[in-house]
């Protein structure tokens, strides 16, 4: 329907838009790994007695129906269960429902009692707020009492949920890139509270370390986790971000090739085509729809790629009725993008959310100024593509200051080191997930690349001397931002025996000071060994024991 609508426009921009959509190879949702659900059709209906009895009459085709009353009213049939409290977990084919009655602390598996099964397959929840609280319901769970989906939708879909069903695994998770935790130190947690489906959580402990786990059975492919992730540890898979970016680049190129002017990119959700059509009818014909699986599946790097390739504006066709978590994450990312536009003198509305409801009452602010000559295809990681775009946009603009402060939650910034406190122990290097902090190995020095820093805070927490501090910011000087800077450097301590440089002098001095007086370092010889290299330390120990065998009692 979308292509048919676009063909109706006969202006130059309208024809160019239609040409671009027709001649750009479509985003192909290559099927990623899938997960399977097995449903036997055992259905639980819960809510007020009168309502659940009425709904049950319309679901007679299900293998079994269990009714659970939430108001305690007796019904016309005897197969109604009552509960003081209800707990539900799981997904299609595997819903575990525990109930308890008043004055009882024992929880009972309702499926075992009602249908002699371990779990229910489908749940129709007619209670006012719903028992499961996830904003995006898990597969097989219909919280009709909350207003979405509607009763009609639920009654149409539930009878089809018997058998085996495959669902795409919407995400890819690369734990090697994850900045959530390292060596028991917790860092970035942007993805943890970004999931509206309850599919993502942090698991572990201070002893074992923490890691991000995503339950593929609960994941609904919203994409907020991928958008929030600054390292691409979590990436979208339908399609992957690089393919989306290339599609945007080629679409803009084809639009310009066909004579189109001032293209505006409008990201639209695939599942809401009717709303997209309504929006396009209310907008000028230079607005190019880019249809994606979900709005948050496209990250900030692709937004700026569009601006760096001729787009005058990037908009998101959203609704105020979308789940609050999705709106919160999208709004937060858009606000971050706008904070990067401001220092360049670019209006914040060049990247903005277009609420479809507002189109009825007011016209949105649209821009016609091309910000930069198209720079073509970009490559590299998510961050590299973003900074390539930012450098292109800033190439013909002079920011008010070389360094711009950013909001505290920004995943871009610098690390400062207090040289008088740093001992170059490299604890910060050990936990840095992106190697923004590193050392070369040829001399005691702590080096830093600002462009790679995601402000996860692990270095700050790992530093035993509290010598590090974070500064969310962006440095518009590309060379300073991307090249390694020395934060702290000092002369290496030389071994007392062989004179080989082997460690930072400040670390040796600090260890000698802290260990002096310890029972194992009660004599000067033991203290001096700290100032020896590994090999000489061993030789000195054995020579001492050879000269005085009683020295063995100390080791």
Protein backbone atom coordinates (compact mmCIF):
# COMPACT_ATOMS: atom_id res chain seq x y z
CA UNK A 1 0.00 0.00 0.00
CA UNK A 2 2.87 2.36 0.75
CA UNK A 3 4.37 2.19 -2.72
CA UNK A 4 0.94 2.65 -4.31
CA UNK A 5 0.40 5.82 -2.30
CA UNK A 6 3.80 7.25 -3.24
CA UNK A 7 3.14 6.67 -6.95
CA UNK A 8 0.19 9.05 -6.78
CA UNK A 9 2.44 12.10 -6.28
CA UNK A 10 3.39 13.88 -9.53
CA UNK A 11 5.63 16.70 -8.26
CA UNK A 12 9.41 16.52 -8.77
CA UNK A 13 9.99 15.56 -5.14
CA UNK A 14 7.11 13.10 -5.24
CA UNK A 15 8.47 11.36 -8.33
CA UNK A 16 12.00 11.33 -6.88
CA UNK A 17 10.70 9.82 -3.64
CA UNK A 18 8.80 7.09 -5.48
CA UNK A 19 11.88 6.39 -7.62
CA UNK A 20 14.09 6.12 -4.53
CA UNK A 21 11.72 3.68 -2.80
CA UNK A 22 11.26 1.59 -5.96
CA UNK A 23 14.96 1.42 -6.87
CA UNK A 24 16.58 0.88 -3.51
CA UNK A 25 16.97 -2.78 -2.60
CA UNK A 26 14.60 -3.31 0.29
CA UNK A 27 15.75 -4.06 3.80
CA UNK A 28 15.70 -7.84 3.89
CA UNK A 29 14.77 -9.40 7.19
CA UNK A 30 17.09 -12.36 6.89
CA UNK A 31 15.78 -14.90 9.38
CA UNK A 32 18.13 -15.03 12.37
CA UNK A 33 18.19 -17.97 14.79
CA UNK A 34 14.72 -18.73 16.11
CA UNK A 35 13.14 -19.97 19.32
CA UNK A 36 10.20 -22.38 19.39
CA UNK A 37 7.07 -22.42 21.52
CA UNK A 38 4.95 -25.51 22.16
CA UNK A 39 1.32 -24.87 23.05
CA UNK A 40 -1.24 -27.53 23.89
CA UNK A 41 -4.11 -25.06 24.14
CA UNK A 42 -4.60 -25.20 27.92
CA UNK A 43 -5.98 -21.74 28.63
CA UNK A 44 -6.44 -19.74 31.81
CA UNK A 45 -8.96 -16.89 31.95
CA UNK A 46 -8.73 -14.65 34.99
CA UNK A 47 -10.68 -11.59 36.08
CA UNK A 48 -14.09 -10.74 37.55
CA UNK A 49 -16.37 -13.80 37.62
CA UNK A 50 -19.10 -12.52 35.34
CA UNK A 51 -16.66 -11.35 32.66
CA UNK A 52 -14.51 -14.47 32.57
CA UNK A 53 -17.59 -16.70 32.25
CA UNK A 54 -18.74 -14.65 29.27
CA UNK A 55 -15.30 -14.86 27.61
CA UNK A 56 -15.11 -18.61 28.19
CA UNK A 57 -18.17 -19.16 25.99
CA UNK A 58 -16.24 -17.72 23.04
CA UNK A 59 -13.15 -19.89 23.55
CA UNK A 60 -14.81 -23.30 23.62
CA UNK A 61 -12.41 -24.62 20.96
CA UNK A 62 -9.45 -24.55 23.34
CA UNK A 63 -8.17 -27.85 24.76
CA UNK A 64 -9.13 -26.81 28.27
CA UNK A 65 -10.42 -23.68 29.98
CA UNK A 66 -9.65 -22.78 33.57
CA UNK A 67 -11.42 -19.82 35.16
CA UNK A 68 -9.80 -17.86 38.00
CA UNK A 69 -11.95 -15.25 39.72
CA UNK A 70 -10.34 -12.10 41.09
CA UNK A 71 -13.47 -10.70 42.79
CA UNK A 72 -14.57 -13.76 44.73
CA UNK A 73 -18.07 -13.76 43.27
CA UNK A 74 -19.64 -17.18 42.77
CA UNK A 75 -20.52 -18.06 39.21
CA UNK A 76 -22.96 -20.28 37.41
CA UNK A 77 -20.44 -23.09 36.94
CA UNK A 78 -18.48 -25.08 39.47
CA UNK A 79 -15.11 -24.95 37.69
CA UNK A 80 -14.17 -21.48 38.93
CA UNK A 81 -11.15 -21.07 41.17
CA UNK A 82 -10.64 -18.25 43.67
CA UNK A 83 -7.37 -16.82 44.93
CA UNK A 84 -6.17 -14.28 47.49
CA UNK A 85 -2.99 -13.61 45.49
CA UNK A 86 -1.80 -14.55 41.99
CA UNK A 87 1.73 -14.81 40.58
CA UNK A 88 2.36 -15.47 36.88
CA UNK A 89 5.64 -16.06 35.08
CA UNK A 90 6.63 -17.56 31.75
CA UNK A 91 5.48 -17.30 28.14
CA UNK A 92 3.44 -19.07 25.48
CA UNK A 93 3.31 -22.78 26.32
CA UNK A 94 4.99 -22.32 29.69
CA UNK A 95 2.98 -20.08 32.03
CA UNK A 96 3.43 -20.92 35.69
CA UNK A 97 0.56 -19.66 37.83
CA UNK A 98 0.86 -19.80 41.59
CA UNK A 99 -2.14 -18.95 43.74
CA UNK A 100 -2.80 -18.77 47.46
CA UNK A 101 -5.96 -18.34 49.46
CA UNK A 102 -6.56 -16.01 52.38
CA UNK A 103 -4.69 -16.85 55.62
CA UNK A 104 -2.42 -19.24 53.72
CA UNK A 105 1.26 -18.67 52.98
CA UNK A 106 1.46 -21.72 50.74
CA UNK A 107 1.49 -21.18 46.96
CA UNK A 108 -0.21 -23.74 44.76
CA UNK A 109 0.47 -24.50 41.11
CA UNK A 110 -2.97 -23.88 39.61
CA UNK A 111 -2.25 -25.75 36.38
CA UNK A 112 -1.42 -28.87 38.37
CA UNK A 113 -4.66 -28.59 40.30
CA UNK A 114 -6.95 -27.65 37.41
CA UNK A 115 -5.69 -29.60 34.37
CA UNK A 116 -2.96 -31.84 35.80
CA UNK A 117 -0.31 -30.00 33.78
CA UNK A 118 2.84 -28.25 34.94
CA UNK A 119 1.78 -25.03 33.30
CA UNK A 120 -0.81 -23.24 31.18
CA UNK A 121 -0.24 -22.47 27.51
CA UNK A 122 -2.23 -19.26 27.08
CA UNK A 123 -3.56 -16.64 29.49
CA UNK A 124 -6.42 -14.21 28.93
CA UNK A 125 -6.16 -11.63 31.71
CA UNK A 126 -9.34 -9.57 32.17
CA UNK A 127 -8.29 -7.98 35.47
CA UNK A 128 -8.11 -4.20 35.42
CA UNK A 129 -4.32 -3.73 35.56
CA UNK A 130 -3.10 -7.20 34.65
CA UNK A 131 -1.09 -9.57 36.84
CA UNK A 132 2.04 -9.49 34.66
CA UNK A 133 3.36 -5.94 34.62
CA UNK A 134 5.59 -5.90 31.52
CA UNK A 135 4.62 -3.02 29.22
CA UNK A 136 5.00 -5.22 26.15
CA UNK A 137 3.16 -8.47 26.97
CA UNK A 138 5.01 -11.74 26.51
CA UNK A 139 3.79 -14.11 23.76
CA UNK A 140 0.60 -15.91 24.78
CA UNK A 141 -0.41 -13.39 27.46
CA UNK A 142 -3.36 -11.09 26.71
CA UNK A 143 -3.89 -8.32 29.33
CA UNK A 144 -7.15 -7.17 27.79
CA UNK A 145 -8.18 -5.45 31.02
CA UNK A 146 -5.42 -2.89 30.45
CA UNK A 147 -6.95 -1.92 27.12
CA UNK A 148 -4.42 -3.40 24.70
CA UNK A 149 -4.87 -5.72 22.98
CA UNK A 150 -8.63 -5.45 22.61
CA UNK A 151 -10.98 -8.24 23.57
CA UNK A 152 -11.79 -8.84 19.93
CA UNK A 153 -8.13 -9.20 19.01
CA UNK A 154 -7.55 -11.63 21.86
CA UNK A 155 -10.57 -13.77 21.07
CA UNK A 156 -9.45 -13.99 17.42
CA UNK A 157 -5.82 -14.87 18.16
CA UNK A 158 -6.08 -17.25 21.13
CA UNK A 159 -7.76 -20.14 19.21
CA UNK A 160 -4.84 -20.10 16.75
CA UNK A 161 -2.28 -20.68 19.50
CA UNK A 162 -2.20 -24.47 19.49
CA UNK A 163 0.81 -26.27 18.07
CA UNK A 164 4.46 -25.34 17.50
CA UNK A 165 5.46 -21.75 16.76
CA UNK A 166 8.80 -20.25 15.79
CA UNK A 167 9.78 -16.67 16.60
CA UNK A 168 12.93 -14.85 15.46
CA UNK A 169 15.66 -14.24 17.99
CA UNK A 170 15.60 -10.49 17.45
CA UNK A 171 18.95 -9.64 19.01
CA UNK A 172 22.61 -10.57 18.88
CA UNK A 173 24.65 -10.47 22.08
CA UNK A 174 28.46 -10.24 22.02
CA UNK A 175 29.64 -10.59 25.61
CA UNK A 176 33.21 -9.63 24.63
CA UNK A 177 31.97 -6.11 23.84
CA UNK A 178 29.74 -5.77 26.90
CA UNK A 179 30.70 -3.02 29.35
CA UNK A 180 28.34 -4.12 32.10
CA UNK A 181 30.91 -5.73 34.38
CA UNK A 182 34.56 -6.72 34.57
CA UNK A 183 36.45 -8.42 37.40
CA UNK A 184 33.51 -7.92 39.74
CA UNK A 185 33.25 -4.19 39.01
CA UNK A 186 29.88 -3.05 37.61
CA UNK A 187 29.80 -0.44 34.88
CA UNK A 188 27.38 0.37 32.07
CA UNK A 189 23.75 -0.57 32.79
CA UNK A 190 21.98 1.44 30.07
CA UNK A 191 20.27 -1.64 28.65
CA UNK A 192 19.07 -3.01 31.99
CA UNK A 193 16.12 -0.67 32.43
CA UNK A 194 15.49 -0.18 28.69
CA UNK A 195 13.56 -3.40 28.10
CA UNK A 196 9.76 -3.05 28.26
CA UNK A 197 9.23 -6.80 27.91
CA UNK A 198 11.11 -8.01 31.01
CA UNK A 199 13.47 -10.06 28.82
CA UNK A 200 16.76 -8.55 29.97
CA UNK A 201 18.41 -8.64 33.38
CA UNK A 202 21.75 -8.46 35.14
CA UNK A 203 22.78 -11.68 36.85
CA UNK A 204 25.73 -12.58 39.05
CA UNK A 205 27.45 -11.39 42.20
CA UNK A 206 30.47 -9.39 43.31
CA UNK A 207 32.42 -12.65 43.63
CA UNK A 208 31.49 -14.28 40.33
CA UNK A 209 31.01 -11.09 38.35
CA UNK A 210 27.91 -9.84 36.54
CA UNK A 211 26.63 -10.45 33.06
CA UNK A 212 23.69 -9.43 30.93
CA UNK A 213 21.25 -12.20 30.07
CA UNK A 214 18.45 -11.92 27.51
CA UNK A 215 15.61 -14.42 27.53
CA UNK A 216 14.81 -14.97 23.83
CA UNK A 217 11.35 -16.33 24.70
CA UNK A 218 10.38 -13.05 26.35
CA UNK A 219 12.10 -10.72 23.88
CA UNK A 220 9.64 -8.94 21.60
CA UNK A 221 12.23 -7.28 19.35
CA UNK A 222 11.48 -3.71 20.43
CA UNK A 223 15.15 -2.74 20.05
CA UNK A 224 15.47 -0.33 22.99
CA UNK A 225 18.35 -2.36 24.43
CA UNK A 226 20.32 -2.15 21.16
CA UNK A 227 19.69 1.58 20.86
CA UNK A 228 20.85 2.14 24.46
CA UNK A 229 23.98 -0.01 24.13
CA UNK A 230 27.04 2.17 23.37
CA UNK A 231 29.37 -0.67 22.33
CA UNK A 232 27.16 -2.82 20.05
CA UNK A 233 27.37 -5.67 22.57
CA UNK A 234 23.62 -5.90 21.91
CA UNK A 235 22.65 -5.34 18.30
CA UNK A 236 19.42 -5.68 16.39
CA UNK A 237 19.08 -8.57 13.97
CA UNK A 238 16.09 -7.71 11.75
CA UNK A 239 18.09 -6.48 9.89
CA UNK A 240 21.41 -5.56 11.44
CA UNK A 241 22.22 -1.85 11.96
CA UNK A 242 24.82 -1.66 9.19
CA UNK A 243 22.28 -2.89 6.62
CA UNK A 244 19.77 -0.29 7.81
CA UNK A 245 22.40 2.41 7.51
CA UNK A 246 23.33 1.34 3.97
CA UNK A 247 19.66 1.33 3.02
CA UNK A 248 19.29 4.92 4.25
CA UNK A 249 22.42 5.98 2.36
CA UNK A 250 21.26 4.37 -0.91
CA UNK A 251 17.72 5.72 -0.58
CA UNK A 252 18.97 9.29 -0.15
CA UNK A 253 21.39 8.82 -3.03
CA UNK A 254 18.61 7.61 -5.34
CA UNK A 255 16.31 10.42 -4.26
CA UNK A 256 18.94 13.03 -5.13
CA UNK A 257 19.81 11.21 -8.35
CA UNK A 258 16.16 11.52 -9.44
CA UNK A 259 16.18 15.27 -8.83
CA UNK A 260 14.62 15.34 -5.37
CA UNK A 261 15.36 18.28 -3.07
CA UNK A 262 15.63 18.70 0.72
CA UNK A 263 14.92 15.07 1.72
CA UNK A 264 13.49 14.46 5.18
CA UNK A 265 13.88 10.94 6.60
CA UNK A 266 10.85 9.62 8.48
CA UNK A 267 11.47 6.36 10.35
CA UNK A 268 8.24 4.35 10.55
CA UNK A 269 7.24 1.11 12.23
CA UNK A 270 6.47 -1.82 9.95
CA UNK A 271 3.57 -2.98 12.12
CA UNK A 272 1.74 0.36 11.88
CA UNK A 273 1.51 0.89 8.14
CA UNK A 274 -1.94 2.51 8.31
CA UNK A 275 -0.58 5.23 10.61
CA UNK A 276 2.40 5.74 8.30
CA UNK A 277 0.04 6.29 5.36
CA UNK A 278 -1.97 8.80 7.38
CA UNK A 279 1.20 10.69 8.30
CA UNK A 280 2.49 10.83 4.72
CA UNK A 281 -0.80 12.26 3.51
CA UNK A 282 -0.41 15.11 5.99
CA UNK A 283 3.27 15.79 5.20
CA UNK A 284 5.01 17.30 2.15
CA UNK A 285 6.30 15.02 -0.61
CA UNK A 286 9.98 15.40 0.30
CA UNK A 287 9.40 13.24 3.40
CA UNK A 288 10.88 9.80 2.69
CA UNK A 289 9.52 6.90 4.77
CA UNK A 290 12.13 4.43 6.01
CA UNK A 291 10.18 1.43 7.28
CA UNK A 292 11.87 -0.56 10.07
CA UNK A 293 10.71 -3.36 12.34
CA UNK A 294 10.59 -1.06 15.39
CA UNK A 295 11.46 2.63 15.82
CA UNK A 296 14.07 2.09 18.59
CA UNK A 297 15.86 -0.53 16.47
CA UNK A 298 17.64 2.31 14.61
CA UNK A 299 20.40 3.96 16.61
CA UNK A 300 21.90 7.43 16.82
CA UNK A 301 24.68 6.51 14.39
CA UNK A 302 22.16 5.93 11.59
CA UNK A 303 20.34 9.19 12.39
CA UNK A 304 23.51 11.21 11.93
CA UNK A 305 24.46 9.15 8.90
CA UNK A 306 21.25 10.39 7.26
CA UNK A 307 22.11 14.03 8.04
CA UNK A 308 25.64 13.52 6.74
CA UNK A 309 24.26 12.14 3.49
CA UNK A 310 21.99 14.99 2.51
CA UNK A 311 18.93 14.64 4.74
CA UNK A 312 17.72 17.98 6.08
CA UNK A 313 15.93 16.36 8.99
CA UNK A 314 15.35 13.02 10.73
CA UNK A 315 11.95 12.30 12.26
CA UNK A 316 10.32 9.36 14.04
CA UNK A 317 6.66 8.54 13.42
CA UNK A 318 5.68 7.76 17.02
CA UNK A 319 2.50 7.64 19.06
CA UNK A 320 1.95 8.94 22.57
CA UNK A 321 0.21 5.62 23.25
CA UNK A 322 3.40 3.62 22.77
CA UNK A 323 4.72 1.86 25.91
CA UNK A 324 6.30 4.39 28.25
CA UNK A 325 9.68 2.65 28.32
CA UNK A 326 9.94 2.85 24.54
CA UNK A 327 9.03 6.55 24.58
CA UNK A 328 11.45 7.19 27.43
CA UNK A 329 14.40 5.50 25.70
CA UNK A 330 13.63 7.07 22.33
CA UNK A 331 13.19 10.53 23.89
CA UNK A 332 16.43 10.16 25.84
CA UNK A 333 18.40 9.20 22.73
CA UNK A 334 16.83 12.02 20.70
CA UNK A 335 17.71 14.49 23.47
CA UNK A 336 21.30 13.22 23.35
CA UNK A 337 21.38 13.72 19.58
CA UNK A 338 20.03 17.25 19.99
CA UNK A 339 22.77 18.05 22.53
CA UNK A 340 25.29 17.12 19.82
CA UNK A 341 23.56 19.32 17.25
CA UNK A 342 23.40 22.45 19.41
CA UNK A 343 27.17 23.25 19.51
CA UNK A 344 27.18 23.15 15.70
CA UNK A 345 24.44 25.74 15.46
CA UNK A 346 22.00 23.18 14.06
CA UNK A 347 18.41 23.42 15.26
CA UNK A 348 17.44 20.66 17.66
CA UNK A 349 14.33 19.81 15.63
CA UNK A 350 16.57 18.47 12.85
CA UNK A 351 16.36 15.23 14.84
CA UNK A 352 13.00 14.94 16.53
CA UNK A 353 10.00 12.77 17.39
CA UNK A 354 6.87 13.38 15.33
CA UNK A 355 3.84 12.35 17.36
CA UNK A 356 1.18 11.29 14.89
CA UNK A 357 -1.61 12.58 17.12
CA UNK A 358 -0.26 16.13 16.76
CA UNK A 359 -0.65 16.10 12.98
CA UNK A 360 -4.40 16.61 13.41
CA UNK A 361 -3.99 19.92 15.20
CA UNK A 362 -0.69 21.45 14.13
CA UNK A 363 1.93 21.28 11.42
CA UNK A 364 5.39 20.08 12.48
CA UNK A 365 8.51 22.20 12.07
CA UNK A 366 10.20 20.99 8.89
CA UNK A 367 13.66 21.96 7.60
CA UNK A 368 14.83 22.44 4.03
CA UNK A 369 18.51 23.30 4.53
CA UNK A 370 21.03 20.62 3.57
CA UNK A 371 23.56 20.49 6.38
CA UNK A 372 26.53 19.03 4.49
CA UNK A 373 27.40 17.57 1.09
CA UNK A 374 26.75 13.81 1.16
CA UNK A 375 29.82 11.96 2.40
CA UNK A 376 28.77 8.53 1.10
CA UNK A 377 28.97 5.13 2.72
CA UNK A 378 30.36 4.94 6.24
CA UNK A 379 32.12 1.98 7.80
CA UNK A 380 33.40 0.77 11.13
CA UNK A 381 31.69 0.29 14.46
CA UNK A 382 28.60 2.10 15.71
CA UNK A 383 30.73 4.76 17.42
CA UNK A 384 33.09 5.14 14.49
CA UNK A 385 30.20 5.74 12.10
CA UNK A 386 28.69 8.28 14.47
CA UNK A 387 31.92 10.26 14.83
CA UNK A 388 32.54 10.18 11.08
CA UNK A 389 29.14 11.82 10.64
CA UNK A 390 29.76 14.36 13.41
CA UNK A 391 33.13 15.29 11.92
CA UNK A 392 31.49 15.80 8.52
CA UNK A 393 28.79 18.04 10.04
CA UNK A 394 31.35 20.07 11.98
CA UNK A 395 33.75 20.43 9.05
CA UNK A 396 32.08 23.63 7.80
CA UNK A 397 30.94 24.85 11.24
CA UNK A 398 32.97 26.22 14.10
CA UNK A 399 31.66 25.07 17.49
CA UNK A 400 31.58 27.78 20.15
CA UNK A 401 34.09 25.75 22.17
CA UNK A 402 36.36 22.87 21.25
CA UNK A 403 34.93 20.79 24.08
CA UNK A 404 31.19 20.64 24.77
CA UNK A 405 29.85 19.32 28.06
CA UNK A 406 27.17 16.66 27.72
CA UNK A 407 24.46 15.32 30.07
CA UNK A 408 25.69 13.10 32.90
CA UNK A 409 24.26 9.99 31.22
CA UNK A 410 26.10 10.54 27.91
CA UNK A 411 28.22 7.60 26.71
CA UNK A 412 30.86 9.99 25.36
CA UNK A 413 33.50 11.79 27.35
CA UNK A 414 36.92 12.05 28.91
CA UNK A 415 38.79 10.58 31.87
CA UNK A 416 41.06 12.70 34.05
CA UNK A 417 43.88 11.35 36.19
CA UNK A 418 45.33 12.95 39.32
CA UNK A 419 49.02 12.27 38.73
CA UNK A 420 50.04 12.76 42.36
CA UNK A 421 47.78 9.87 43.41
CA UNK A 422 48.19 7.46 40.47
CA UNK A 423 50.60 4.56 41.01
CA UNK A 424 50.15 3.14 37.50
CA UNK A 425 48.82 -0.11 38.96
CA UNK A 426 46.73 -0.48 35.75
CA UNK A 427 43.62 -1.66 37.59
CA UNK A 428 41.70 0.75 35.35
CA UNK A 429 43.21 -0.78 32.22
CA UNK A 430 42.24 -4.26 33.42
CA UNK A 431 38.53 -3.37 33.55
CA UNK A 432 38.21 -0.96 30.61
CA UNK A 433 35.86 -2.71 28.12
CA UNK A 434 36.84 -0.67 25.06
CA UNK A 435 40.59 -0.21 25.64
CA UNK A 436 40.04 3.52 25.84
CA UNK A 437 42.44 3.24 28.78
CA UNK A 438 45.52 1.23 27.92
CA UNK A 439 49.29 1.06 28.19
CA UNK A 440 51.89 0.34 25.53
CA UNK A 441 54.14 -1.82 27.68
CA UNK A 442 57.37 -0.07 26.75
CA UNK A 443 57.25 2.36 29.69
CA UNK A 444 55.09 2.98 32.78
CA UNK A 445 52.37 5.15 31.26
CA UNK A 446 48.58 5.32 31.28
CA UNK A 447 47.15 6.25 27.88
CA UNK A 448 43.64 7.25 26.89
CA UNK A 449 41.61 7.54 23.67
CA UNK A 450 38.59 9.77 24.27
CA UNK A 451 36.62 8.60 21.23
CA UNK A 452 36.55 5.05 22.60
CA UNK A 453 35.39 5.99 26.12
CA UNK A 454 31.76 5.15 26.89
CA UNK A 455 31.78 6.64 30.42
CA UNK A 456 30.85 3.29 32.00
CA UNK A 457 32.64 4.26 35.22
CA UNK A 458 34.39 0.94 35.81
CA UNK A 459 37.83 2.55 35.78
CA UNK A 460 36.77 5.07 38.43
CA UNK A 461 35.42 2.29 40.67
CA UNK A 462 38.45 0.02 40.15
CA UNK A 463 41.09 2.65 40.97
CA UNK A 464 42.41 1.91 44.50
CA UNK A 465 43.75 5.47 44.85
CA UNK A 466 40.60 7.26 43.58
CA UNK A 467 42.78 9.06 41.08
CA UNK A 468 40.34 8.97 38.13
CA UNK A 469 37.29 11.07 37.35
CA UNK A 470 34.85 11.14 34.40
CA UNK A 471 33.70 14.10 32.32
CA UNK A 472 30.80 13.54 29.88
CA UNK A 473 31.69 15.66 26.84
CA UNK A 474 32.55 15.71 23.17
CA UNK A 475 35.81 17.04 21.81
CA UNK A 476 35.26 18.49 18.33
CA UNK A 477 39.00 18.29 17.60
CA UNK A 478 39.11 15.01 15.73
CA UNK A 479 42.85 14.47 16.26
CA UNK A 480 42.75 15.08 20.00
CA UNK A 481 39.67 12.89 20.37
CA UNK A 482 40.88 9.89 18.38
CA UNK A 483 44.60 9.78 19.20
CA UNK A 484 46.05 8.30 22.38
CA UNK A 485 46.82 10.88 25.07
CA UNK A 486 49.15 10.20 28.02
CA UNK A 487 47.27 10.70 31.29
CA UNK A 488 50.18 9.83 33.56
CA UNK A 489 53.73 8.67 33.02
CA UNK A 490 56.77 8.20 35.18
CA UNK A 491 60.25 6.74 35.19
CA UNK A 492 60.39 2.99 35.71
CA UNK A 493 61.91 1.61 38.91
CA UNK A 494 65.18 -0.23 38.26
CA UNK A 495 65.89 -3.58 39.89
CA UNK A 496 68.33 -3.29 42.81
CA UNK A 497 70.30 -6.30 41.55
CA UNK A 498 70.27 -6.19 37.74
CA UNK A 499 69.16 -2.58 37.11
CA UNK A 500 66.43 -3.72 34.70
CA UNK A 501 63.38 -1.40 34.55
CA UNK A 502 60.42 -3.46 35.74
CA UNK A 503 57.66 -1.40 37.42
CA UNK A 504 56.48 2.16 38.13
CA UNK A 505 58.61 3.73 40.87
CA UNK A 506 55.54 5.12 42.66
CA UNK A 507 54.07 1.63 42.97
CA UNK A 508 57.26 0.23 44.49
CA UNK A 509 57.44 3.12 46.94
CA UNK A 510 53.77 2.68 47.86
CA UNK A 511 54.14 -1.09 48.44
CA UNK A 512 57.25 -0.68 50.56
CA UNK A 513 55.50 1.92 52.68
CA UNK A 514 52.39 -0.20 53.22
CA UNK A 515 54.25 -3.47 53.91
CA UNK A 516 56.96 -2.08 56.17
CA UNK A 517 56.29 -3.45 59.64
CA UNK A 518 54.32 -6.49 58.39
CA UNK A 519 55.47 -9.77 59.96
CA UNK A 520 56.58 -11.14 56.59
CA UNK A 521 58.59 -7.98 55.86
CA UNK A 522 60.15 -7.35 59.27
CA UNK A 523 63.73 -7.02 58.02
CA UNK A 524 65.24 -4.70 55.44
CA UNK A 525 66.18 -7.56 53.12
CA UNK A 526 62.50 -8.47 52.62
CA UNK A 527 61.56 -4.83 51.99
CA UNK A 528 64.37 -4.51 49.45
CA UNK A 529 63.08 -7.53 47.51
CA UNK A 530 60.00 -5.51 46.59
CA UNK A 531 62.38 -3.27 44.61
CA UNK A 532 63.73 -6.25 42.64
CA UNK A 533 62.46 -7.71 39.39
CA UNK A 534 60.73 -11.08 39.42
CA UNK A 535 63.82 -13.14 38.59
CA UNK A 536 66.15 -11.38 41.00
CA UNK A 537 63.61 -11.62 43.80
CA UNK A 538 63.60 -15.42 43.51
CA UNK A 539 67.40 -15.59 43.34
CA UNK A 540 67.74 -13.42 46.42
CA UNK A 541 65.35 -15.61 48.42
CA UNK A 542 67.23 -18.82 47.59
CA UNK A 543 70.66 -17.27 48.21
CA UNK A 544 69.50 -16.09 51.63
CA UNK A 545 68.16 -19.55 52.53
CA UNK A 546 71.39 -21.15 51.31
CA UNK A 547 73.46 -18.91 53.58
CA UNK A 548 71.12 -19.38 56.55
CA UNK A 549 68.82 -22.47 56.37
CA UNK A 550 66.73 -21.14 59.26
CA UNK A 551 65.44 -18.47 56.88
CA UNK A 552 63.23 -21.22 55.32
CA UNK A 553 60.99 -21.00 58.38
CA UNK A 554 59.87 -17.53 57.23
CA UNK A 555 58.49 -18.73 53.90
